[in-house]
């Protein structure tokens, strides 16, 4: 089996309200992925009842959204998602219906965020 690259990218997507992982720049934690880069294909953070589940200890190096830009954190709540930008502004998305509550005049077509991880071992 191949080794997990030291730095790799995974997608974070809002899918299971109340079960999506929180992610913050410089956070060190055991993150759970649907697959790991060593297996090829696209790497996605697991949420809710997703399977298979592949845990890996990592440090978050960066979060980036094509329209929101660089992010400091994504904070899912029971009824909303907070997207904290590096400039300190906040975009709040209502979990149900996907409407923007704060920070943007209209929602982006896709809320997928690219997250750069540094693998720290299993």
PDB file of N, CA and C in Angstrom:
ATOM      1  N   UNK A   1       0.835  -1.178   0.000  1.00  0.00           N
ATOM      2  CA  UNK A   1       0.000   0.000   0.000  1.00  0.00           C
ATOM      3  C   UNK A   1       0.883   1.245   0.000  1.00  0.00           C
ATOM      4  N   UNK A   2       0.462   2.279  -0.706  1.00  0.00           N
ATOM      5  CA  UNK A   2       1.191   3.535  -0.749  1.00  0.00           C
ATOM      6  C   UNK A   2       1.041   4.288   0.555  1.00  0.00           C
ATOM      7  N   UNK A   3       1.902   5.244   0.770  1.00  0.00           N
ATOM      8  CA  UNK A   3       1.810   6.099   1.949  1.00  0.00           C
ATOM      9  C   UNK A   3       0.916   7.296   1.640  1.00  0.00           C
ATOM     10  N   UNK A   4       0.279   7.841   2.661  1.00  0.00           N
ATOM     11  CA  UNK A   4      -0.494   9.067   2.512  1.00  0.00           C
ATOM     12  C   UNK A   4       0.489  10.205   2.293  1.00  0.00           C
ATOM     13  N   UNK A   5       0.264  11.052   1.285  1.00  0.00           N
ATOM     14  CA  UNK A   5       1.158  12.199   1.100  1.00  0.00           C
ATOM     15  C   UNK A   5       1.167  13.074   2.354  1.00  0.00           C
ATOM     16  N   UNK A   6       2.288  13.737   2.605  1.00  0.00           N
ATOM     17  CA  UNK A   6       2.387  14.590   3.779  1.00  0.00           C
ATOM     18  C   UNK A   6       1.359  15.715   3.700  1.00  0.00           C
ATOM     19  N   UNK A   7       1.210  16.340   2.521  1.00  0.00           N
ATOM     20  CA  UNK A   7       0.211  17.382   2.322  1.00  0.00           C
ATOM     21  C   UNK A   7      -0.728  16.915   1.218  1.00  0.00           C
ATOM     22  N   UNK A   8      -2.021  17.009   1.483  1.00  0.00           N
ATOM     23  CA  UNK A   8      -3.002  16.615   0.477  1.00  0.00           C
ATOM     24  C   UNK A   8      -4.231  17.488   0.621  1.00  0.00           C
ATOM     25  N   UNK A   9      -5.095  17.430  -0.353  1.00  0.00           N
ATOM     26  CA  UNK A   9      -6.302  18.235  -0.352  1.00  0.00           C
ATOM     27  C   UNK A   9      -7.533  17.347  -0.292  1.00  0.00           C
ATOM     28  N   UNK A  10      -8.528  17.800   0.462  1.00  0.00           N
ATOM     29  CA  UNK A  10      -9.803  17.083   0.570  1.00  0.00           C
ATOM     30  C   UNK A  10     -10.934  18.092   0.461  1.00  0.00           C
ATOM     31  N   UNK A  11     -12.099  17.601   0.070  1.00  0.00           N
ATOM     32  CA  UNK A  11     -13.271  18.459  -0.046  1.00  0.00           C
ATOM     33  C   UNK A  11     -14.129  18.373   1.206  1.00  0.00           C
ATOM     34  N   UNK A  12     -14.588  19.532   1.676  1.00  0.00           N
ATOM     35  CA  UNK A  12     -15.587  19.631   2.724  1.00  0.00           C
ATOM     36  C   UNK A  12     -16.861  20.115   2.049  1.00  0.00           C
ATOM     37  N   UNK A  13     -17.979  19.434   2.310  1.00  0.00           N
ATOM     38  CA  UNK A  13     -19.263  19.818   1.731  1.00  0.00           C
ATOM     39  C   UNK A  13     -20.340  19.745   2.802  1.00  0.00           C
ATOM     40  N   UNK A  14     -21.264  20.704   2.839  1.00  0.00           N
ATOM     41  CA  UNK A  14     -22.375  20.596   3.792  1.00  0.00           C
ATOM     42  C   UNK A  14     -23.374  19.560   3.289  1.00  0.00           C
ATOM     43  N   UNK A  15     -23.520  18.458   4.057  1.00  0.00           N
ATOM     44  CA  UNK A  15     -24.395  17.382   3.594  1.00  0.00           C
ATOM     45  C   UNK A  15     -25.326  16.845   4.654  1.00  0.00           C
ATOM     46  N   UNK A  16     -24.826  16.665   5.874  1.00  0.00           N
ATOM     47  CA  UNK A  16     -25.641  16.071   6.936  1.00  0.00           C
ATOM     48  C   UNK A  16     -25.757  17.083   8.054  1.00  0.00           C
ATOM     49  N   UNK A  17     -26.780  17.910   8.027  1.00  0.00           N
ATOM     50  CA  UNK A  17     -26.919  18.994   8.992  1.00  0.00           C
ATOM     51  C   UNK A  17     -26.757  18.487  10.413  1.00  0.00           C
ATOM     52  N   UNK A  18     -25.894  19.157  11.163  1.00  0.00           N
ATOM     53  CA  UNK A  18     -25.614  18.751  12.532  1.00  0.00           C
ATOM     54  C   UNK A  18     -24.571  17.658  12.643  1.00  0.00           C
ATOM     55  N   UNK A  19     -24.112  17.116  11.506  1.00  0.00           N
ATOM     56  CA  UNK A  19     -23.128  16.038  11.538  1.00  0.00           C
ATOM     57  C   UNK A  19     -21.879  16.337  10.702  1.00  0.00           C
ATOM     58  N   UNK A  20     -21.868  17.468  10.010  1.00  0.00           N
ATOM     59  CA  UNK A  20     -20.691  17.822   9.221  1.00  0.00           C
ATOM     60  C   UNK A  20     -19.566  18.247  10.153  1.00  0.00           C
ATOM     61  N   UNK A  21     -18.321  17.926   9.806  1.00  0.00           N
ATOM     62  CA  UNK A  21     -17.220  18.264  10.713  1.00  0.00           C
ATOM     63  C   UNK A  21     -16.887  19.755  10.710  1.00  0.00           C
ATOM     64  N   UNK A  22     -16.518  20.259  11.874  1.00  0.00           N
ATOM     65  CA  UNK A  22     -15.964  21.607  11.989  1.00  0.00           C
ATOM     66  C   UNK A  22     -14.506  21.527  11.553  1.00  0.00           C
ATOM     67  N   UNK A  23     -14.059  22.568  10.873  1.00  0.00           N
ATOM     68  CA  UNK A  23     -12.680  22.598  10.387  1.00  0.00           C
ATOM     69  C   UNK A  23     -12.149  24.011  10.570  1.00  0.00           C
ATOM     70  N   UNK A  24     -10.932  24.140  11.127  1.00  0.00           N
ATOM     71  CA  UNK A  24     -10.337  25.454  11.335  1.00  0.00           C
ATOM     72  C   UNK A  24      -8.864  25.430  10.962  1.00  0.00           C
ATOM     73  N   UNK A  25      -8.400  26.519  10.425  1.00  0.00           N
ATOM     74  CA  UNK A  25      -6.990  26.679  10.068  1.00  0.00           C
ATOM     75  C   UNK A  25      -6.131  26.380  11.299  1.00  0.00           C
ATOM     76  N   UNK A  26      -5.086  25.614  11.147  1.00  0.00           N
ATOM     77  CA  UNK A  26      -4.127  25.201  12.188  1.00  0.00           C
ATOM     78  C   UNK A  26      -4.673  24.158  13.157  1.00  0.00           C
ATOM     79  N   UNK A  27      -5.912  23.740  13.005  1.00  0.00           N
ATOM     80  CA  UNK A  27      -6.497  22.705  13.866  1.00  0.00           C
ATOM     81  C   UNK A  27      -5.742  21.389  13.685  1.00  0.00           C
ATOM     82  N   UNK A  28      -5.424  20.734  14.784  1.00  0.00           N
ATOM     83  CA  UNK A  28      -4.825  19.405  14.762  1.00  0.00           C
ATOM     84  C   UNK A  28      -5.828  18.462  15.398  1.00  0.00           C
ATOM     85  N   UNK A  29      -6.175  17.402  14.655  1.00  0.00           N
ATOM     86  CA  UNK A  29      -7.217  16.496  15.138  1.00  0.00           C
ATOM     87  C   UNK A  29      -7.171  15.218  14.311  1.00  0.00           C
ATOM     88  N   UNK A  30      -7.954  14.250  14.714  1.00  0.00           N
ATOM     89  CA  UNK A  30      -8.168  13.066  13.890  1.00  0.00           C
ATOM     90  C   UNK A  30      -9.391  13.369  13.036  1.00  0.00           C
ATOM     91  N   UNK A  31      -9.175  13.539  11.744  1.00  0.00           N
ATOM     92  CA  UNK A  31     -10.246  13.805  10.799  1.00  0.00           C
ATOM     93  C   UNK A  31     -10.632  12.484  10.145  1.00  0.00           C
ATOM     94  N   UNK A  32     -11.882  12.400   9.757  1.00  0.00           N
ATOM     95  CA  UNK A  32     -12.383  11.172   9.147  1.00  0.00           C
ATOM     96  C   UNK A  32     -12.723  11.466   7.689  1.00  0.00           C
ATOM     97  N   UNK A  33     -12.155  10.649   6.814  1.00  0.00           N
ATOM     98  CA  UNK A  33     -12.326  10.818   5.372  1.00  0.00           C
ATOM     99  C   UNK A  33     -13.083   9.620   4.807  1.00  0.00           C
ATOM    100  N   UNK A  34     -13.725   9.837   3.666  1.00  0.00           N
ATOM    101  CA  UNK A  34     -14.400   8.724   2.985  1.00  0.00           C
ATOM    102  C   UNK A  34     -13.370   7.851   2.278  1.00  0.00           C
ATOM    103  N   UNK A  35     -12.264   8.440   1.877  1.00  0.00           N
ATOM    104  CA  UNK A  35     -11.139   7.703   1.301  1.00  0.00           C
ATOM    105  C   UNK A  35      -9.896   8.523   1.590  1.00  0.00           C
ATOM    106  N   UNK A  36      -8.750   7.914   1.442  1.00  0.00           N
ATOM    107  CA  UNK A  36      -7.494   8.628   1.633  1.00  0.00           C
ATOM    108  C   UNK A  36      -6.789   8.769   0.288  1.00  0.00           C
ATOM    109  N   UNK A  37      -5.926   9.757   0.148  1.00  0.00           N
ATOM    110  CA  UNK A  37      -5.264   9.985  -1.138  1.00  0.00           C
ATOM    111  C   UNK A  37      -4.459   8.786  -1.641  1.00  0.00           C
ATOM    112  N   UNK A  38      -4.008   7.943  -0.738  1.00  0.00           N
ATOM    113  CA  UNK A  38      -3.234   6.768  -1.142  1.00  0.00           C
ATOM    114  C   UNK A  38      -4.057   5.815  -2.006  1.00  0.00           C
ATOM    115  N   UNK A  39      -5.389   5.932  -1.933  1.00  0.00           N
ATOM    116  CA  UNK A  39      -6.262   5.056  -2.706  1.00  0.00           C
ATOM    117  C   UNK A  39      -6.624   5.645  -4.057  1.00  0.00           C
ATOM    118  N   UNK A  40      -6.194   6.869  -4.346  1.00  0.00           N
ATOM    119  CA  UNK A  40      -6.504   7.524  -5.611  1.00  0.00           C
ATOM    120  C   UNK A  40      -7.880   8.155  -5.589  1.00  0.00           C
ATOM    121  N   UNK A  41      -8.187   8.916  -6.602  1.00  0.00           N
ATOM    122  CA  UNK A  41      -9.487   9.564  -6.690  1.00  0.00           C
ATOM    123  C   UNK A  41      -9.571  10.806  -5.832  1.00  0.00           C
ATOM    124  N   UNK A  42     -10.785  11.259  -5.615  1.00  0.00           N
ATOM    125  CA  UNK A  42     -11.041  12.478  -4.853  1.00  0.00           C
ATOM    126  C   UNK A  42     -11.173  12.135  -3.374  1.00  0.00           C
ATOM    127  N   UNK A  43     -10.554  12.934  -2.526  1.00  0.00           N
ATOM    128  CA  UNK A  43     -10.633  12.741  -1.083  1.00  0.00           C
ATOM    129  C   UNK A  43     -11.692  13.688  -0.526  1.00  0.00           C
ATOM    130  N   UNK A  44     -12.612  13.139   0.265  1.00  0.00           N
ATOM    131  CA  UNK A  44     -13.726  13.907   0.820  1.00  0.00           C
ATOM    132  C   UNK A  44     -13.807  13.628   2.320  1.00  0.00           C
ATOM    133  N   UNK A  45     -14.039  14.679   3.107  1.00  0.00           N
ATOM    134  CA  UNK A  45     -14.271  14.486   4.537  1.00  0.00           C
ATOM    135  C   UNK A  45     -15.592  13.752   4.735  1.00  0.00           C
ATOM    136  N   UNK A  46     -15.612  12.810   5.649  1.00  0.00           N
ATOM    137  CA  UNK A  46     -16.828  12.045   5.935  1.00  0.00           C
ATOM    138  C   UNK A  46     -17.765  12.870   6.808  1.00  0.00           C
ATOM    139  N   UNK A  47     -19.059  12.625   6.643  1.00  0.00           N
ATOM    140  CA  UNK A  47     -20.074  13.302   7.447  1.00  0.00           C
ATOM    141  C   UNK A  47     -21.206  12.329   7.715  1.00  0.00           C
ATOM    142  N   UNK A  48     -21.886  12.510   8.848  1.00  0.00           N
ATOM    143  CA  UNK A  48     -23.039  11.680   9.166  1.00  0.00           C
ATOM    144  C   UNK A  48     -22.734  10.201   9.036  1.00  0.00           C
ATOM    145  N   UNK A  49     -23.583   9.460   8.347  1.00  0.00           N
ATOM    146  CA  UNK A  49     -23.405   8.008   8.232  1.00  0.00           C
ATOM    147  C   UNK A  49     -22.515   7.577   7.065  1.00  0.00           C
ATOM    148  N   UNK A  50     -21.735   8.506   6.502  1.00  0.00           N
ATOM    149  CA  UNK A  50     -20.865   8.153   5.368  1.00  0.00           C
ATOM    150  C   UNK A  50     -19.994   6.943   5.668  1.00  0.00           C
ATOM    151  N   UNK A  51     -19.743   6.181   4.670  1.00  0.00           N
ATOM    152  CA  UNK A  51     -18.814   5.071   4.763  1.00  0.00           C
ATOM    153  C   UNK A  51     -18.175   4.872   3.405  1.00  0.00           C
ATOM    154  N   UNK A  52     -17.024   4.249   3.324  1.00  0.00           N
ATOM    155  CA  UNK A  52     -16.211   3.837   4.470  1.00  0.00           C
ATOM    156  C   UNK A  52     -15.649   5.052   5.207  1.00  0.00           C
ATOM    157  N   UNK A  53     -15.129   4.810   6.397  1.00  0.00           N
ATOM    158  CA  UNK A  53     -14.581   5.888   7.218  1.00  0.00           C
ATOM    159  C   UNK A  53     -13.105   5.614   7.455  1.00  0.00           C
ATOM    160  N   UNK A  54     -12.288   6.568   7.071  1.00  0.00           N
ATOM    161  CA  UNK A  54     -10.835   6.445   7.174  1.00  0.00           C
ATOM    162  C   UNK A  54     -10.292   7.559   8.079  1.00  0.00           C
ATOM    163  N   UNK A  55      -9.987   7.256   9.343  1.00  0.00           N
ATOM    164  CA  UNK A  55      -9.453   8.287  10.244  1.00  0.00           C
ATOM    165  C   UNK A  55      -7.970   8.544   9.973  1.00  0.00           C
ATOM    166  N   UNK A  56      -7.566   9.796  10.132  1.00  0.00           N
ATOM    167  CA  UNK A  56      -6.161  10.160   9.968  1.00  0.00           C
ATOM    168  C   UNK A  56      -5.890  11.428  10.777  1.00  0.00           C
ATOM    169  N   UNK A  57      -4.824  11.394  11.568  1.00  0.00           N
ATOM    170  CA  UNK A  57      -4.424  12.576  12.345  1.00  0.00           C
ATOM    171  C   UNK A  57      -3.779  13.578  11.399  1.00  0.00           C
ATOM    172  N   UNK A  58      -4.309  14.807  11.404  1.00  0.00           N
ATOM    173  CA  UNK A  58      -3.853  15.833  10.464  1.00  0.00           C
ATOM    174  C   UNK A  58      -3.847  17.211  11.115  1.00  0.00           C
ATOM    175  N   UNK A  59      -3.140  18.111  10.459  1.00  0.00           N
ATOM    176  CA  UNK A  59      -3.194  19.542  10.756  1.00  0.00           C
ATOM    177  C   UNK A  59      -3.817  20.213   9.539  1.00  0.00           C
ATOM    178  N   UNK A  60      -4.746  21.125   9.778  1.00  0.00           N
ATOM    179  CA  UNK A  60      -5.346  21.890   8.678  1.00  0.00           C
ATOM    180  C   UNK A  60      -4.398  23.024   8.322  1.00  0.00           C
ATOM    181  N   UNK A  61      -3.992  23.060   7.078  1.00  0.00           N
ATOM    182  CA  UNK A  61      -3.075  24.107   6.621  1.00  0.00           C
ATOM    183  C   UNK A  61      -3.796  25.274   5.973  1.00  0.00           C
ATOM    184  N   UNK A  62      -4.900  25.013   5.274  1.00  0.00           N
ATOM    185  CA  UNK A  62      -5.607  26.098   4.593  1.00  0.00           C
ATOM    186  C   UNK A  62      -7.007  25.637   4.203  1.00  0.00           C
ATOM    187  N   UNK A  63      -7.921  26.593   4.099  1.00  0.00           N
ATOM    188  CA  UNK A  63      -9.289  26.351   3.613  1.00  0.00           C
ATOM    189  C   UNK A  63      -9.560  27.404   2.547  1.00  0.00           C
ATOM    190  N   UNK A  64     -10.128  26.978   1.429  1.00  0.00           N
ATOM    191  CA  UNK A  64     -10.369  27.924   0.345  1.00  0.00           C
ATOM    192  C   UNK A  64     -11.655  27.585  -0.389  1.00  0.00           C
ATOM    193  N   UNK A  65     -12.451  28.628  -0.635  1.00  0.00           N
ATOM    194  CA  UNK A  65     -13.677  28.508  -1.410  1.00  0.00           C
ATOM    195  C   UNK A  65     -13.535  29.429  -2.629  1.00  0.00           C
ATOM    196  N   UNK A  66     -13.994  28.999  -3.820  1.00  0.00           N
ATOM    197  CA  UNK A  66     -13.802  29.819  -5.012  1.00  0.00           C
ATOM    198  C   UNK A  66     -14.424  31.220  -4.937  1.00  0.00           C
ATOM    199  N   UNK A  67     -15.545  31.378  -4.229  1.00  0.00           N
ATOM    200  CA  UNK A  67     -16.179  32.696  -4.136  1.00  0.00           C
ATOM    201  C   UNK A  67     -15.940  33.390  -2.800  1.00  0.00           C
ATOM    202  N   UNK A  68     -15.829  32.622  -1.726  1.00  0.00           N
ATOM    203  CA  UNK A  68     -15.620  33.216  -0.402  1.00  0.00           C
ATOM    204  C   UNK A  68     -14.157  33.535  -0.144  1.00  0.00           C
ATOM    205  N   UNK A  69     -13.254  32.913  -0.888  1.00  0.00           N
ATOM    206  CA  UNK A  69     -11.825  33.130  -0.704  1.00  0.00           C
ATOM    207  C   UNK A  69     -11.257  32.286   0.419  1.00  0.00           C
ATOM    208  N   UNK A  70     -10.176  32.774   1.020  1.00  0.00           N
ATOM    209  CA  UNK A  70      -9.505  32.053   2.106  1.00  0.00           C
ATOM    210  C   UNK A  70     -10.364  32.108   3.363  1.00  0.00           C
ATOM    211  N   UNK A  71     -10.490  30.966   4.018  1.00  0.00           N
ATOM    212  CA  UNK A  71     -11.303  30.861   5.225  1.00  0.00           C
ATOM    213  C   UNK A  71     -10.442  30.545   6.439  1.00  0.00           C
ATOM    214  N   UNK A  72     -10.875  31.031   7.592  1.00  0.00           N
ATOM    215  CA  UNK A  72     -10.227  30.689   8.855  1.00  0.00           C
ATOM    216  C   UNK A  72     -10.870  29.449   9.457  1.00  0.00           C
ATOM    217  N   UNK A  73     -12.202  29.293   9.249  1.00  0.00           N
ATOM    218  CA  UNK A  73     -12.906  28.160   9.858  1.00  0.00           C
ATOM    219  C   UNK A  73     -14.275  27.963   9.230  1.00  0.00           C
ATOM    220  N   UNK A  74     -14.760  26.731   9.370  1.00  0.00           N
ATOM    221  CA  UNK A  74     -16.146  26.385   9.069  1.00  0.00           C
ATOM    222  C   UNK A  74     -16.699  25.812  10.361  1.00  0.00           C
ATOM    223  N   UNK A  75     -17.780  26.422  10.849  1.00  0.00           N
ATOM    224  CA  UNK A  75     -18.369  26.012  12.114  1.00  0.00           C
ATOM    225  C   UNK A  75     -19.822  25.598  11.885  1.00  0.00           C
ATOM    226  N   UNK A  76     -20.064  24.295  11.751  1.00  0.00           N
ATOM    227  CA  UNK A  76     -21.441  23.840  11.588  1.00  0.00           C
ATOM    228  C   UNK A  76     -22.189  23.880  12.918  1.00  0.00           C
ATOM    229  N   UNK A  77     -23.422  24.310  12.859  1.00  0.00           N
ATOM    230  CA  UNK A  77     -24.289  24.305  14.030  1.00  0.00           C
ATOM    231  C   UNK A  77     -25.528  23.491  13.709  1.00  0.00           C
ATOM    232  N   UNK A  78     -26.431  23.346  14.645  1.00  0.00           N
ATOM    233  CA  UNK A  78     -27.627  22.540  14.401  1.00  0.00           C
ATOM    234  C   UNK A  78     -28.556  23.143  13.343  1.00  0.00           C
ATOM    235  N   UNK A  79     -28.507  24.461  13.153  1.00  0.00           N
ATOM    236  CA  UNK A  79     -29.390  25.106  12.180  1.00  0.00           C
ATOM    237  C   UNK A  79     -28.677  26.029  11.202  1.00  0.00           C
ATOM    238  N   UNK A  80     -27.357  26.058  11.250  1.00  0.00           N
ATOM    239  CA  UNK A  80     -26.615  26.968  10.377  1.00  0.00           C
ATOM    240  C   UNK A  80     -25.172  26.487  10.186  1.00  0.00           C
ATOM    241  N   UNK A  81     -24.519  27.107   9.246  1.00  0.00           N
ATOM    242  CA  UNK A  81     -23.079  26.948   9.045  1.00  0.00           C
ATOM    243  C   UNK A  81     -22.476  28.342   9.088  1.00  0.00           C
ATOM    244  N   UNK A  82     -21.398  28.521   9.834  1.00  0.00           N
ATOM    245  CA  UNK A  82     -20.651  29.777   9.830  1.00  0.00           C
ATOM    246  C   UNK A  82     -19.373  29.560   9.037  1.00  0.00           C
ATOM    247  N   UNK A  83     -19.158  30.393   8.057  1.00  0.00           N
ATOM    248  CA  UNK A  83     -17.920  30.390   7.281  1.00  0.00           C
ATOM    249  C   UNK A  83     -17.158  31.637   7.699  1.00  0.00           C
ATOM    250  N   UNK A  84     -16.088  31.471   8.474  1.00  0.00           N
ATOM    251  CA  UNK A  84     -15.281  32.594   8.946  1.00  0.00           C
ATOM    252  C   UNK A  84     -14.151  32.838   7.948  1.00  0.00           C
ATOM    253  N   UNK A  85     -14.165  34.007   7.364  1.00  0.00           N
ATOM    254  CA  UNK A  85     -13.116  34.374   6.407  1.00  0.00           C
ATOM    255  C   UNK A  85     -11.872  34.829   7.153  1.00  0.00           C
ATOM    256  N   UNK A  86     -10.734  34.763   6.464  1.00  0.00           N
ATOM    257  CA  UNK A  86      -9.487  35.213   7.088  1.00  0.00           C
ATOM    258  C   UNK A  86      -9.524  36.695   7.413  1.00  0.00           C
ATOM    259  N   UNK A  87     -10.307  37.476   6.666  1.00  0.00           N
ATOM    260  CA  UNK A  87     -10.378  38.918   6.929  1.00  0.00           C
ATOM    261  C   UNK A  87     -11.285  39.254   8.119  1.00  0.00           C
ATOM    262  N   UNK A  88     -11.865  38.236   8.761  1.00  0.00           N
ATOM    263  CA  UNK A  88     -12.694  38.444   9.942  1.00  0.00           C
ATOM    264  C   UNK A  88     -14.184  38.499   9.665  1.00  0.00           C
ATOM    265  N   UNK A  89     -14.588  38.624   8.408  1.00  0.00           N
ATOM    266  CA  UNK A  89     -16.013  38.648   8.106  1.00  0.00           C
ATOM    267  C   UNK A  89     -16.602  37.243   8.197  1.00  0.00           C
ATOM    268  N   UNK A  90     -17.907  37.174   8.410  1.00  0.00           N
ATOM    269  CA  UNK A  90     -18.590  35.900   8.589  1.00  0.00           C
ATOM    270  C   UNK A  90     -19.723  35.790   7.575  1.00  0.00           C
ATOM    271  N   UNK A  91     -19.843  34.607   6.983  1.00  0.00           N
ATOM    272  CA  UNK A  91     -20.977  34.280   6.126  1.00  0.00           C
ATOM    273  C   UNK A  91     -21.750  33.191   6.849  1.00  0.00           C
ATOM    274  N   UNK A  92     -23.054  33.402   7.037  1.00  0.00           N
ATOM    275  CA  UNK A  92     -23.889  32.424   7.718  1.00  0.00           C
ATOM    276  C   UNK A  92     -24.890  31.843   6.724  1.00  0.00           C
ATOM    277  N   UNK A  93     -24.918  30.524   6.655  1.00  0.00           N
ATOM    278  CA  UNK A  93     -25.820  29.793   5.780  1.00  0.00           C
ATOM    279  C   UNK A  93     -26.827  29.041   6.639  1.00  0.00           C
ATOM    280  N   UNK A  94     -28.120  29.193   6.342  1.00  0.00           N
ATOM    281  CA  UNK A  94     -29.144  28.427   7.049  1.00  0.00           C
ATOM    282  C   UNK A  94     -29.058  26.978   6.590  1.00  0.00           C
ATOM    283  N   UNK A  95     -29.045  26.042   7.527  1.00  0.00           N
ATOM    284  CA  UNK A  95     -28.924  24.629   7.179  1.00  0.00           C
ATOM    285  C   UNK A  95     -30.110  24.170   6.342  1.00  0.00           C
ATOM    286  N   UNK A  96     -31.285  24.546   6.732  1.00  0.00           N
ATOM    287  CA  UNK A  96     -32.474  24.138   5.980  1.00  0.00           C
ATOM    288  C   UNK A  96     -32.763  25.184   4.910  1.00  0.00           C
ATOM    289  N   UNK A  97     -32.834  24.745   3.687  1.00  0.00           N
ATOM    290  CA  UNK A  97     -33.119  25.645   2.584  1.00  0.00           C
ATOM    291  C   UNK A  97     -31.887  26.261   1.958  1.00  0.00           C
ATOM    292  N   UNK A  98     -30.768  26.289   2.664  1.00  0.00           N
ATOM    293  CA  UNK A  98     -29.521  26.791   2.113  1.00  0.00           C
ATOM    294  C   UNK A  98     -29.471  28.279   1.832  1.00  0.00           C
ATOM    295  N   UNK A  99     -30.358  29.077   2.465  1.00  0.00           N
ATOM    296  CA  UNK A  99     -30.325  30.514   2.194  1.00  0.00           C
ATOM    297  C   UNK A  99     -29.273  31.199   3.069  1.00  0.00           C
ATOM    298  N   UNK A 100     -28.721  32.266   2.535  1.00  0.00           N
ATOM    299  CA  UNK A 100     -27.714  33.037   3.251  1.00  0.00           C
ATOM    300  C   UNK A 100     -28.409  33.933   4.259  1.00  0.00           C
ATOM    301  N   UNK A 101     -27.959  33.873   5.504  1.00  0.00           N
ATOM    302  CA  UNK A 101     -28.516  34.730   6.551  1.00  0.00           C
ATOM    303  C   UNK A 101     -27.710  36.005   6.739  1.00  0.00           C
ATOM    304  N   UNK A 102     -26.398  35.926   6.438  1.00  0.00           N
ATOM    305  CA  UNK A 102     -25.508  37.054   6.719  1.00  0.00           C
ATOM    306  C   UNK A 102     -24.271  36.942   5.845  1.00  0.00           C
ATOM    307  N   UNK A 103     -23.775  38.080   5.368  1.00  0.00           N
ATOM    308  CA  UNK A 103     -22.456  38.133   4.751  1.00  0.00           C
ATOM    309  C   UNK A 103     -22.397  38.113   3.240  1.00  0.00           C
ATOM    310  N   UNK A 104     -23.465  37.723   2.554  1.00  0.00           N
ATOM    311  CA  UNK A 104     -23.477  37.712   1.087  1.00  0.00           C
ATOM    312  C   UNK A 104     -24.854  38.151   0.600  1.00  0.00           C
ATOM    313  N   UNK A 105     -24.882  38.752  -0.575  1.00  0.00           N
ATOM    314  CA  UNK A 105     -26.173  39.147  -1.143  1.00  0.00           C
ATOM    315  C   UNK A 105     -26.878  37.967  -1.806  1.00  0.00           C
ATOM    316  N   UNK A 106     -26.109  36.991  -2.288  1.00  0.00           N
ATOM    317  CA  UNK A 106     -26.691  35.785  -2.888  1.00  0.00           C
ATOM    318  C   UNK A 106     -25.737  34.609  -2.654  1.00  0.00           C
ATOM    319  N   UNK A 107     -26.281  33.402  -2.547  1.00  0.00           N
ATOM    320  CA  UNK A 107     -25.420  32.239  -2.257  1.00  0.00           C
ATOM    321  C   UNK A 107     -24.625  31.796  -3.480  1.00  0.00           C
ATOM    322  N   UNK A 108     -23.433  31.264  -3.261  1.00  0.00           N
ATOM    323  CA  UNK A 108     -22.698  30.670  -4.374  1.00  0.00           C
ATOM    324  C   UNK A 108     -23.421  29.406  -4.852  1.00  0.00           C
ATOM    325  N   UNK A 109     -23.152  29.004  -6.064  1.00  0.00           N
ATOM    326  CA  UNK A 109     -23.781  27.801  -6.619  1.00  0.00           C
ATOM    327  C   UNK A 109     -23.347  26.544  -5.872  1.00  0.00           C
ATOM    328  N   UNK A 110     -22.169  26.566  -5.278  1.00  0.00           N
ATOM    329  CA  UNK A 110     -21.607  25.382  -4.619  1.00  0.00           C
ATOM    330  C   UNK A 110     -20.887  25.827  -3.347  1.00  0.00           C
ATOM    331  N   UNK A 111     -21.152  25.148  -2.252  1.00  0.00           N
ATOM    332  CA  UNK A 111     -20.524  25.478  -0.971  1.00  0.00           C
ATOM    333  C   UNK A 111     -19.299  24.606  -0.689  1.00  0.00           C
ATOM    334  N   UNK A 112     -18.858  23.798  -1.645  1.00  0.00           N
ATOM    335  CA  UNK A 112     -17.702  22.927  -1.432  1.00  0.00           C
ATOM    336  C   UNK A 112     -16.454  23.753  -1.155  1.00  0.00           C
ATOM    337  N   UNK A 113     -15.729  23.362  -0.113  1.00  0.00           N
ATOM    338  CA  UNK A 113     -14.500  24.047   0.296  1.00  0.00           C
ATOM    339  C   UNK A 113     -13.336  23.073   0.125  1.00  0.00           C
ATOM    340  N   UNK A 114     -12.248  23.555  -0.440  1.00  0.00           N
ATOM    341  CA  UNK A 114     -11.023  22.763  -0.555  1.00  0.00           C
ATOM    342  C   UNK A 114     -10.204  22.985   0.712  1.00  0.00           C
ATOM    343  N   UNK A 115      -9.835  21.891   1.363  1.00  0.00           N
ATOM    344  CA  UNK A 115      -9.081  21.965   2.605  1.00  0.00           C
ATOM    345  C   UNK A 115      -7.732  21.283   2.403  1.00  0.00           C
ATOM    346  N   UNK A 116      -6.664  22.009   2.687  1.00  0.00           N
ATOM    347  CA  UNK A 116      -5.310  21.435   2.606  1.00  0.00           C
ATOM    348  C   UNK A 116      -4.955  20.880   3.986  1.00  0.00           C
ATOM    349  N   UNK A 117      -4.607  19.594   3.997  1.00  0.00           N
ATOM    350  CA  UNK A 117      -4.250  18.898   5.227  1.00  0.00           C
ATOM    351  C   UNK A 117      -2.786  18.495   5.203  1.00  0.00           C
ATOM    352  N   UNK A 118      -2.179  18.467   6.368  1.00  0.00           N
ATOM    353  CA  UNK A 118      -0.848  17.893   6.558  1.00  0.00           C
ATOM    354  C   UNK A 118      -1.047  16.625   7.374  1.00  0.00           C
ATOM    355  N   UNK A 119      -0.735  15.477   6.787  1.00  0.00           N
ATOM    356  CA  UNK A 119      -0.882  14.199   7.490  1.00  0.00           C
ATOM    357  C   UNK A 119       0.180  14.096   8.576  1.00  0.00           C
ATOM    358  N   UNK A 120      -0.242  13.734   9.785  1.00  0.00           N
ATOM    359  CA  UNK A 120       0.680  13.604  10.916  1.00  0.00           C
ATOM    360  C   UNK A 120       0.858  12.149  11.345  1.00  0.00           C
ATOM    361  N   UNK A 121       0.205  11.238  10.668  1.00  0.00           N
ATOM    362  CA  UNK A 121       0.318   9.818  10.995  1.00  0.00           C
ATOM    363  C   UNK A 121      -0.997   9.273  11.496  1.00  0.00           C
ATOM    364  N   UNK A 122      -1.033   7.955  11.634  1.00  0.00           N
ATOM    365  CA  UNK A 122      -2.298   7.291  12.005  1.00  0.00           C
ATOM    366  C   UNK A 122      -2.449   7.138  13.464  1.00  0.00           C
TER     367      UNK A 122
END
